[in-house]
């Protein structure tokens, strides 16, 4: 069971880095999000980020929903890692 939890924690860690990449790339307005590989990154991350964008509107042109999404993902990943090491 701990192997499955550790694999899930590792997957969430990889997803965390993909979201960080997505957020950093959003600072460059000339990126065409409909061309590859950017479209794949967008398709992987936008459904998760959109959950938070529904409840946290942009304030002053800044999207704080991605910060909340990243923090929640890190909390879940950390909890899974610690739970896997206990079991």
N, C-alpha and C. Protein backbone atom coordinates (compact mmCIF):
# COMPACT_ATOMS: atom_id res chain seq x y z
N UNK A 1 0.82 -1.20 0.00
CA UNK A 1 0.00 0.00 0.00
C UNK A 1 0.86 1.27 0.00
N UNK A 2 1.97 1.23 0.75
CA UNK A 2 2.81 2.41 0.82
C UNK A 2 3.49 2.68 -0.52
N UNK A 3 3.73 1.62 -1.30
CA UNK A 3 4.32 1.81 -2.63
C UNK A 3 3.36 2.57 -3.54
N UNK A 4 2.09 2.26 -3.46
CA UNK A 4 1.09 2.96 -4.27
C UNK A 4 0.98 4.42 -3.83
N UNK A 5 0.97 4.64 -2.52
CA UNK A 5 0.90 6.01 -2.02
C UNK A 5 2.13 6.82 -2.41
N UNK A 6 3.30 6.19 -2.35
CA UNK A 6 4.53 6.88 -2.74
C UNK A 6 4.52 7.17 -4.24
N UNK A 7 4.02 6.25 -5.06
CA UNK A 7 3.93 6.50 -6.50
C UNK A 7 2.97 7.65 -6.79
N UNK A 8 1.86 7.70 -6.07
CA UNK A 8 0.91 8.80 -6.23
C UNK A 8 1.53 10.13 -5.80
N UNK A 9 2.29 10.11 -4.71
CA UNK A 9 2.97 11.32 -4.25
C UNK A 9 4.00 11.79 -5.28
N UNK A 10 4.71 10.84 -5.90
CA UNK A 10 5.67 11.20 -6.95
C UNK A 10 4.98 11.77 -8.17
N UNK A 11 3.82 11.22 -8.53
CA UNK A 11 3.05 11.75 -9.65
C UNK A 11 2.60 13.18 -9.36
N UNK A 12 2.13 13.43 -8.14
CA UNK A 12 1.70 14.78 -7.77
C UNK A 12 2.88 15.75 -7.77
N UNK A 13 4.06 15.26 -7.41
CA UNK A 13 5.25 16.10 -7.46
C UNK A 13 5.58 16.47 -8.90
N UNK A 14 5.47 15.54 -9.83
CA UNK A 14 5.68 15.83 -11.25
C UNK A 14 4.63 16.81 -11.75
N UNK A 15 3.39 16.61 -11.36
CA UNK A 15 2.31 17.51 -11.76
C UNK A 15 2.54 18.92 -11.22
N UNK A 16 3.10 18.99 -10.01
CA UNK A 16 3.45 20.28 -9.41
C UNK A 16 4.43 21.04 -10.32
N UNK A 17 5.44 20.37 -10.80
CA UNK A 17 6.43 21.02 -11.67
C UNK A 17 5.83 21.42 -13.02
N UNK A 18 4.88 20.64 -13.52
CA UNK A 18 4.21 21.01 -14.76
C UNK A 18 3.36 22.26 -14.55
N UNK A 19 2.71 22.36 -13.40
CA UNK A 19 1.92 23.56 -13.10
C UNK A 19 2.83 24.77 -12.93
N UNK A 20 3.95 24.60 -12.27
CA UNK A 20 4.91 25.71 -12.13
C UNK A 20 5.37 26.17 -13.51
N UNK A 21 5.67 25.21 -14.39
CA UNK A 21 6.07 25.57 -15.76
C UNK A 21 4.96 26.34 -16.46
N UNK A 22 3.72 25.90 -16.29
CA UNK A 22 2.58 26.58 -16.91
C UNK A 22 2.44 28.01 -16.40
N UNK A 23 2.61 28.19 -15.11
CA UNK A 23 2.49 29.53 -14.53
C UNK A 23 3.62 30.43 -15.02
N UNK A 24 4.83 29.91 -15.05
CA UNK A 24 5.96 30.71 -15.53
C UNK A 24 5.80 31.08 -17.00
N UNK A 25 5.32 30.13 -17.80
CA UNK A 25 5.13 30.40 -19.23
C UNK A 25 4.01 31.39 -19.48
N UNK A 26 3.07 31.50 -18.55
CA UNK A 26 1.98 32.45 -18.74
C UNK A 26 2.46 33.90 -18.67
N UNK A 27 3.66 34.12 -18.19
CA UNK A 27 4.23 35.46 -18.14
C UNK A 27 4.71 35.94 -19.50
N UNK A 28 4.81 35.03 -20.46
CA UNK A 28 5.26 35.38 -21.80
C UNK A 28 4.06 35.45 -22.73
N UNK A 29 3.63 36.66 -23.10
CA UNK A 29 2.39 36.80 -23.87
C UNK A 29 2.50 36.32 -25.31
N UNK A 30 3.69 36.09 -25.82
CA UNK A 30 3.83 35.69 -27.22
C UNK A 30 3.77 34.18 -27.42
N UNK A 31 3.53 33.40 -26.37
CA UNK A 31 3.42 31.95 -26.51
C UNK A 31 2.07 31.61 -27.11
N UNK A 32 2.08 30.80 -28.13
CA UNK A 32 0.84 30.33 -28.76
C UNK A 32 0.41 29.03 -28.08
N UNK A 33 -0.61 29.13 -27.24
CA UNK A 33 -1.03 27.99 -26.44
C UNK A 33 -1.73 26.91 -27.25
N UNK A 34 -1.97 27.15 -28.54
CA UNK A 34 -2.63 26.14 -29.36
C UNK A 34 -1.64 25.31 -30.16
N UNK A 35 -0.35 25.63 -30.07
CA UNK A 35 0.67 24.84 -30.76
C UNK A 35 1.38 23.94 -29.75
N UNK A 36 1.97 22.88 -30.26
CA UNK A 36 2.67 21.93 -29.39
C UNK A 36 4.04 22.48 -29.04
N UNK A 37 4.59 22.22 -27.90
CA UNK A 37 4.13 21.40 -26.78
C UNK A 37 3.26 22.15 -25.79
N UNK A 38 3.03 23.44 -26.06
CA UNK A 38 2.30 24.28 -25.11
C UNK A 38 0.85 23.82 -24.94
N UNK A 39 0.25 23.32 -26.00
CA UNK A 39 -1.13 22.86 -25.91
C UNK A 39 -1.25 21.68 -24.96
N UNK A 40 -0.26 20.80 -24.96
CA UNK A 40 -0.29 19.65 -24.05
C UNK A 40 -0.18 20.10 -22.60
N UNK A 41 0.71 21.04 -22.35
CA UNK A 41 0.85 21.56 -20.99
C UNK A 41 -0.45 22.22 -20.54
N UNK A 42 -1.05 22.98 -21.42
CA UNK A 42 -2.30 23.64 -21.11
C UNK A 42 -3.42 22.63 -20.85
N UNK A 43 -3.50 21.59 -21.66
CA UNK A 43 -4.54 20.57 -21.48
C UNK A 43 -4.35 19.79 -20.18
N UNK A 44 -3.11 19.63 -19.74
CA UNK A 44 -2.86 18.91 -18.50
C UNK A 44 -3.16 19.74 -17.25
N UNK A 45 -2.90 21.03 -17.33
CA UNK A 45 -2.99 21.85 -16.12
C UNK A 45 -4.26 22.67 -16.00
N UNK A 46 -4.83 23.09 -17.10
CA UNK A 46 -5.98 23.99 -17.04
C UNK A 46 -7.21 23.42 -16.32
N UNK A 47 -7.54 22.13 -16.46
CA UNK A 47 -8.71 21.64 -15.70
C UNK A 47 -8.55 21.79 -14.19
N UNK A 48 -7.35 21.52 -13.68
CA UNK A 48 -7.10 21.68 -12.25
C UNK A 48 -7.11 23.15 -11.85
N UNK A 49 -6.44 23.98 -12.63
CA UNK A 49 -6.37 25.40 -12.31
C UNK A 49 -7.73 26.08 -12.45
N UNK A 50 -8.55 25.61 -13.39
CA UNK A 50 -9.87 26.20 -13.59
C UNK A 50 -10.79 25.99 -12.38
N UNK A 51 -10.57 24.91 -11.63
CA UNK A 51 -11.35 24.70 -10.41
C UNK A 51 -11.18 25.87 -9.46
N UNK A 52 -9.97 26.38 -9.36
CA UNK A 52 -9.69 27.48 -8.45
C UNK A 52 -10.03 28.83 -9.06
N UNK A 53 -9.91 28.94 -10.38
CA UNK A 53 -10.23 30.20 -11.06
C UNK A 53 -11.72 30.53 -10.94
N UNK A 54 -12.56 29.52 -10.78
CA UNK A 54 -14.00 29.77 -10.62
C UNK A 54 -14.31 30.51 -9.33
N UNK A 55 -13.51 30.24 -8.28
CA UNK A 55 -13.80 30.80 -6.97
C UNK A 55 -12.91 31.98 -6.59
N UNK A 56 -11.75 32.10 -7.23
CA UNK A 56 -10.82 33.17 -6.90
C UNK A 56 -10.61 34.02 -8.15
N UNK A 57 -11.27 35.16 -8.23
CA UNK A 57 -11.11 35.99 -9.43
C UNK A 57 -9.75 36.69 -9.44
N UNK A 58 -9.27 37.08 -10.62
CA UNK A 58 -8.02 37.84 -10.67
C UNK A 58 -8.17 39.18 -9.96
N UNK A 59 -7.15 39.55 -9.22
CA UNK A 59 -7.16 40.82 -8.50
C UNK A 59 -6.06 41.71 -9.06
N UNK A 60 -6.44 42.82 -9.62
CA UNK A 60 -5.46 43.75 -10.18
C UNK A 60 -4.65 43.16 -11.31
N UNK A 61 -5.24 42.24 -12.06
CA UNK A 61 -4.53 41.62 -13.18
C UNK A 61 -3.69 40.42 -12.80
N UNK A 62 -3.66 40.06 -11.52
CA UNK A 62 -2.88 38.91 -11.06
C UNK A 62 -3.81 37.75 -10.74
N UNK A 63 -3.41 36.56 -11.17
CA UNK A 63 -4.20 35.35 -10.94
C UNK A 63 -3.65 34.63 -9.71
N UNK A 64 -4.29 34.87 -8.57
CA UNK A 64 -3.86 34.23 -7.33
C UNK A 64 -4.39 32.82 -7.18
N UNK A 65 -5.26 32.40 -8.06
CA UNK A 65 -5.82 31.05 -7.96
C UNK A 65 -4.74 29.99 -8.17
N UNK A 66 -3.76 30.28 -9.00
CA UNK A 66 -2.69 29.30 -9.23
C UNK A 66 -1.85 29.10 -7.98
N UNK A 67 -1.69 30.15 -7.17
CA UNK A 67 -0.94 30.02 -5.92
C UNK A 67 -1.67 29.09 -4.96
N UNK A 68 -2.98 29.28 -4.84
CA UNK A 68 -3.78 28.43 -3.97
C UNK A 68 -3.77 26.98 -4.48
N UNK A 69 -3.85 26.81 -5.80
CA UNK A 69 -3.83 25.47 -6.39
C UNK A 69 -2.50 24.77 -6.11
N UNK A 70 -1.41 25.50 -6.21
CA UNK A 70 -0.09 24.92 -5.96
C UNK A 70 0.07 24.56 -4.49
N UNK A 71 -0.37 25.44 -3.60
CA UNK A 71 -0.27 25.16 -2.16
C UNK A 71 -1.08 23.93 -1.79
N UNK A 72 -2.30 23.82 -2.30
CA UNK A 72 -3.12 22.65 -2.01
C UNK A 72 -2.49 21.36 -2.55
N UNK A 73 -1.96 21.43 -3.75
CA UNK A 73 -1.30 20.26 -4.34
C UNK A 73 -0.10 19.84 -3.51
N UNK A 74 0.68 20.78 -3.04
CA UNK A 74 1.84 20.47 -2.20
C UNK A 74 1.42 19.87 -0.86
N UNK A 75 0.33 20.37 -0.28
CA UNK A 75 -0.16 19.81 0.98
C UNK A 75 -0.60 18.36 0.81
N UNK A 76 -1.31 18.09 -0.26
CA UNK A 76 -1.76 16.71 -0.52
C UNK A 76 -0.57 15.80 -0.79
N UNK A 77 0.38 16.28 -1.58
CA UNK A 77 1.57 15.49 -1.89
C UNK A 77 2.39 15.22 -0.64
N UNK A 78 2.54 16.21 0.21
CA UNK A 78 3.28 16.05 1.45
C UNK A 78 2.58 15.08 2.39
N UNK A 79 1.27 15.18 2.46
CA UNK A 79 0.51 14.25 3.30
C UNK A 79 0.61 12.82 2.82
N UNK A 80 0.55 12.64 1.51
CA UNK A 80 0.70 11.28 0.96
C UNK A 80 2.08 10.72 1.22
N UNK A 81 3.10 11.55 1.08
CA UNK A 81 4.47 11.09 1.32
C UNK A 81 4.68 10.68 2.78
N UNK A 82 4.18 11.50 3.68
CA UNK A 82 4.35 11.18 5.10
C UNK A 82 3.50 9.97 5.49
N UNK A 83 2.32 9.86 4.93
CA UNK A 83 1.47 8.70 5.22
C UNK A 83 2.08 7.42 4.65
N UNK A 84 2.73 7.51 3.48
CA UNK A 84 3.37 6.35 2.87
C UNK A 84 4.59 5.91 3.68
N UNK A 85 5.31 6.86 4.26
CA UNK A 85 6.50 6.50 5.05
C UNK A 85 6.14 5.89 6.39
N UNK A 86 4.95 6.24 6.90
CA UNK A 86 4.50 5.65 8.17
C UNK A 86 4.07 4.21 7.97
N UNK A 87 3.31 3.97 6.86
CA UNK A 87 2.78 2.63 6.60
C UNK A 87 3.73 1.78 5.99
